[in-house]
Amino acid sequence: MKKTLATSLLCGALLLPALQGCVPLVAAGATQATLSAVDRRSLGTQTEDESIEWKASLQIGELGGKQSHLNFTSYDQKVLITGEAPSEELKAEVERRVTAIPEVKGVYNELAVAPPTSLGARSNDSYITTKVKARFVESGKFNAVYVKVVTENGVVYLLGLVTQQEADAAIQVARTTGDVKKVVTLLQIITDAEAKALDVKVEPGKPANPDSISGG
């Protein structure tokens, strides 16, 4: 039951972008709210992460202009910086500015000193991310909601609060996914007891079942 629910939720989230105009916006909101509820981060931390990403994109995203391509992903208030920068100096400046955002507790600077990737490469990165997430669900070895996937130029980054067993399973699945060049794990390992304490069960009656949503 629990596995079926997690699978339905994640698959629903993955399919939403493809269902343009067919599913009401309220359905997307309901699915997102449910995914937030089963996230191991507190709602407050999730909000902080969204705020950090917004601030970084707004304040730093255009640094370097067309010569750079900067992405910011915050998980548990630790920021992963991916993309390309034209110089080591700009790479360091981006990290300095992200670190200066008040809510940030740590930074993983994975910027490559290289020309920006093409739109085709970025589209392929999105496809790889979708494939990895789908295979997480198919494997059935852990709740796919617990692992965030970011792909940049074929390199897959994994973030999340997971047990060692969950981490091993996620890494194995990512490494064996087609077109993945490399897997970088930024997963935070927690004990089984900590995981059990963090896991939140969706209460019956909540708008959590995608099957109950009618298309347009």
Protein backbone atom coordinates (compact mmCIF):
# COMPACT_ATOMS: atom_id res chain seq x y z
CA MET A 1 0.00 0.00 0.00
CA LYS A 2 2.70 2.45 1.01
CA LYS A 3 4.84 1.55 -2.01
CA THR A 4 1.85 1.91 -4.34
CA LEU A 5 1.05 5.35 -2.96
CA ALA A 6 4.65 6.57 -3.30
CA THR A 7 4.84 5.22 -6.83
CA SER A 8 1.57 6.89 -7.83
CA LEU A 9 2.63 10.19 -6.34
CA LEU A 10 6.03 10.31 -8.00
CA CYS A 11 4.74 9.13 -11.35
CA GLY A 12 2.04 11.77 -11.13
CA ALA A 13 4.64 14.43 -10.44
CA LEU A 14 6.78 13.25 -13.37
CA LEU A 15 3.81 13.25 -15.76
CA LEU A 16 2.33 16.60 -14.80
CA PRO A 17 4.53 18.68 -17.17
CA ALA A 18 3.39 16.50 -20.08
CA LEU A 19 -0.32 16.92 -19.33
CA GLN A 20 -0.55 20.54 -20.43
CA GLY A 21 -4.11 21.79 -20.05
CA CYS A 22 -5.54 18.36 -19.36
CA VAL A 23 -5.26 18.23 -15.58
CA PRO A 24 -6.56 21.21 -13.58
CA LEU A 25 -3.95 23.29 -11.81
CA VAL A 26 -5.54 22.33 -8.51
CA ALA A 27 -4.54 18.74 -9.19
CA ALA A 28 -0.90 19.76 -9.54
CA GLY A 29 -1.17 21.67 -6.30
CA ALA A 30 -2.67 18.70 -4.51
CA THR A 31 0.05 16.35 -5.75
CA GLN A 32 2.81 18.80 -4.81
CA ALA A 33 1.31 19.27 -1.36
CA THR A 34 1.22 15.52 -0.81
CA LEU A 35 4.81 15.07 -1.98
CA SER A 36 5.80 17.82 0.46
CA ALA A 37 4.05 15.94 3.25
CA VAL A 38 6.09 12.76 2.69
CA ASP A 39 9.39 14.62 2.28
CA ARG A 40 11.77 13.89 5.16
CA ARG A 41 12.60 17.57 5.44
CA SER A 42 10.30 19.62 7.64
CA LEU A 43 7.90 21.96 5.89
CA GLY A 44 9.92 24.86 7.27
CA THR A 45 13.13 23.50 5.74
CA GLN A 46 11.42 22.89 2.41
CA THR A 47 10.28 26.51 2.44
CA GLU A 48 13.80 27.69 3.27
CA ASP A 49 15.21 25.61 0.42
CA GLU A 50 12.78 27.17 -2.05
CA SER A 51 13.64 30.63 -0.74
CA ILE A 52 17.38 29.98 -1.08
CA GLU A 53 17.01 28.80 -4.68
CA TRP A 54 14.91 31.84 -5.54
CA LYS A 55 17.38 34.28 -3.95
CA ALA A 56 20.39 32.63 -5.58
CA SER A 57 18.79 32.62 -9.02
CA LEU A 58 17.66 36.22 -8.70
CA GLN A 59 20.82 37.66 -7.15
CA ILE A 60 23.53 35.49 -8.71
CA GLY A 61 22.01 33.65 -11.67
CA GLU A 62 22.98 36.25 -14.26
CA LEU A 63 26.55 36.61 -13.00
CA GLY A 64 28.91 36.15 -15.94
CA GLY A 65 26.18 36.81 -18.49
CA LYS A 66 26.02 34.60 -21.56
CA GLN A 67 29.43 33.15 -20.77
CA SER A 68 28.07 31.30 -17.75
CA HIS A 69 25.27 28.84 -17.00
CA LEU A 70 24.41 28.66 -13.30
CA ASN A 71 22.00 26.34 -11.49
CA PHE A 72 21.22 26.31 -7.76
CA THR A 73 19.63 23.40 -5.91
CA SER A 74 19.08 23.66 -2.17
CA TYR A 75 18.40 20.59 -0.04
CA ASP A 76 18.31 20.83 3.74
CA GLN A 77 19.75 24.34 3.33
CA LYS A 78 22.88 23.02 1.61
CA VAL A 79 23.27 24.38 -1.90
CA LEU A 80 24.50 22.46 -4.92
CA ILE A 81 25.86 24.78 -7.62
CA THR A 82 26.04 23.22 -11.08
CA GLY A 83 26.66 24.52 -14.57
CA GLU A 84 29.57 26.24 -16.25
CA ALA A 85 31.63 29.36 -15.53
CA PRO A 86 34.25 31.02 -17.77
CA SER A 87 36.94 31.23 -15.08
CA GLU A 88 38.06 29.97 -11.67
CA GLU A 89 37.60 33.53 -10.38
CA LEU A 90 33.93 33.62 -11.32
CA LYS A 91 33.43 30.10 -9.93
CA ALA A 92 34.83 31.26 -6.58
CA GLU A 93 32.75 34.47 -6.64
CA VAL A 94 29.54 32.52 -7.22
CA GLU A 95 30.34 30.30 -4.23
CA ARG A 96 31.13 33.33 -2.08
CA ARG A 97 27.82 34.96 -2.89
CA VAL A 98 25.80 31.79 -2.31
CA THR A 99 27.53 31.23 1.04
CA ALA A 100 26.57 34.78 2.02
CA ILE A 101 22.83 34.05 1.74
CA PRO A 102 21.74 33.99 5.42
CA GLU A 103 19.82 30.68 5.36
CA VAL A 104 22.60 28.69 3.65
CA LYS A 105 24.37 26.12 5.86
CA GLY A 106 26.74 24.65 3.27
CA VAL A 107 27.75 24.77 -0.39
CA TYR A 108 28.75 22.10 -2.91
CA ASN A 109 30.45 24.01 -5.74
CA GLU A 110 30.34 21.69 -8.76
CA LEU A 111 30.69 24.42 -11.39
CA ALA A 112 32.85 23.41 -14.34
CA VAL A 113 35.22 25.99 -15.81
CA ALA A 114 34.02 25.59 -19.38
CA PRO A 115 31.74 27.14 -22.02
CA PRO A 116 27.99 26.86 -21.31
CA THR A 117 26.36 23.64 -22.44
CA SER A 118 24.04 23.69 -25.46
CA LEU A 119 20.25 23.65 -25.24
CA GLY A 120 20.38 20.12 -26.63
CA ALA A 121 22.65 18.98 -23.82
CA ARG A 122 20.37 20.56 -21.23
CA SER A 123 17.35 18.87 -22.75
CA ASN A 124 19.19 15.54 -22.54
CA ASP A 125 20.02 16.27 -18.89
CA SER A 126 16.31 16.72 -18.15
CA TYR A 127 15.61 13.42 -19.88
CA ILE A 128 18.29 11.64 -17.83
CA THR A 129 16.84 13.06 -14.61
CA THR A 130 13.38 11.75 -15.57
CA LYS A 131 14.80 8.31 -16.42
CA VAL A 132 16.66 8.05 -13.10
CA LYS A 133 13.56 9.04 -11.12
CA ALA A 134 11.41 6.57 -13.03
CA ARG A 135 13.89 3.77 -12.37
CA PHE A 136 13.90 4.65 -8.67
CA VAL A 137 10.18 3.94 -8.66
CA GLU A 138 10.53 0.77 -10.74
CA SER A 139 13.22 -0.63 -8.44
CA GLY A 140 10.88 -0.54 -5.43
CA LYS A 141 13.91 -0.56 -3.12
CA PHE A 142 13.23 2.79 -1.44
CA ASN A 143 10.80 5.67 -1.49
CA ALA A 144 11.85 7.68 -4.55
CA VAL A 145 10.53 10.89 -2.99
CA TYR A 146 13.45 10.83 -0.55
CA VAL A 147 16.14 11.33 -3.23
CA LYS A 148 16.47 14.51 -5.29
CA VAL A 149 18.14 14.13 -8.69
CA VAL A 150 20.04 16.87 -10.53
CA THR A 151 21.78 16.27 -13.87
CA GLU A 152 24.36 18.53 -15.49
CA ASN A 153 26.13 17.57 -18.72
CA GLY A 154 25.44 13.88 -18.10
CA VAL A 155 26.66 13.92 -14.48
CA VAL A 156 23.98 12.93 -11.97
CA TYR A 157 23.96 14.41 -8.46
CA LEU A 158 21.95 12.76 -5.70
CA LEU A 159 20.74 14.64 -2.64
CA GLY A 160 18.53 13.53 0.23
CA LEU A 161 18.17 12.25 3.77
CA VAL A 162 18.51 8.47 3.46
CA THR A 163 19.71 5.38 5.25
CA GLN A 164 22.85 3.63 4.02
CA GLN A 165 20.75 0.90 2.41
CA GLU A 166 18.64 3.49 0.58
CA ALA A 167 21.76 5.36 -0.52
CA ASP A 168 23.38 2.21 -1.90
CA ALA A 169 20.23 1.36 -3.86
CA ALA A 170 19.88 4.89 -5.28
CA ILE A 171 23.51 5.03 -6.36
CA GLN A 172 23.29 1.62 -8.05
CA VAL A 173 20.17 2.58 -9.97
CA ALA A 174 21.64 5.91 -11.09
CA ARG A 175 24.93 4.35 -12.18
CA THR A 176 23.16 1.78 -14.36
CA THR A 177 20.87 4.29 -16.09
CA GLY A 178 21.58 4.93 -19.75
CA ASP A 179 23.52 8.08 -20.74
CA VAL A 180 24.72 8.74 -17.18
CA LYS A 181 28.42 9.61 -17.32
CA LYS A 182 29.05 9.80 -13.60
CA VAL A 183 27.18 9.79 -10.26
CA VAL A 184 28.11 12.24 -7.51
CA THR A 185 26.51 11.43 -4.17
CA LEU A 186 25.72 14.28 -1.79
CA LEU A 187 23.31 12.14 0.20
CA GLN A 188 23.13 12.67 3.95
CA ILE A 189 23.18 9.32 5.74
CA ILE A 190 20.83 8.86 8.69
CA THR A 191 20.16 5.84 10.90
CA ASP A 192 17.15 3.57 10.48
CA ALA A 193 15.76 4.99 13.72
CA GLU A 194 16.17 8.56 12.48
CA ALA A 195 14.52 7.64 9.18
CA LYS A 196 11.55 6.09 10.97
CA ALA A 197 11.15 9.21 13.09
CA LEU A 198 11.26 11.47 10.03
CA ASP A 199 8.91 9.47 7.85
CA VAL A 200 5.46 10.99 7.68
CA LYS A 201 2.44 8.95 6.66
CA VAL A 202 -0.18 10.61 4.53
CA GLU A 203 -3.44 10.66 6.47
CA PRO A 204 -6.52 9.01 4.96
CA GLY A 205 -8.87 11.51 3.38
CA LYS A 206 -6.13 13.85 2.21
CA PRO A 207 -6.14 14.76 -1.54
CA ALA A 208 -3.32 12.31 -2.18
CA ASN A 209 -4.70 9.79 -4.67
CA PRO A 210 -4.01 10.83 -8.28
CA ASP A 211 -6.64 8.26 -9.41
CA SER A 212 -9.32 10.48 -7.93
CA ILE A 213 -8.32 13.41 -10.18
CA SER A 214 -10.31 13.75 -13.40
CA GLY A 215 -8.65 14.97 -16.57
CA GLY A 216 -9.89 17.76 -18.87
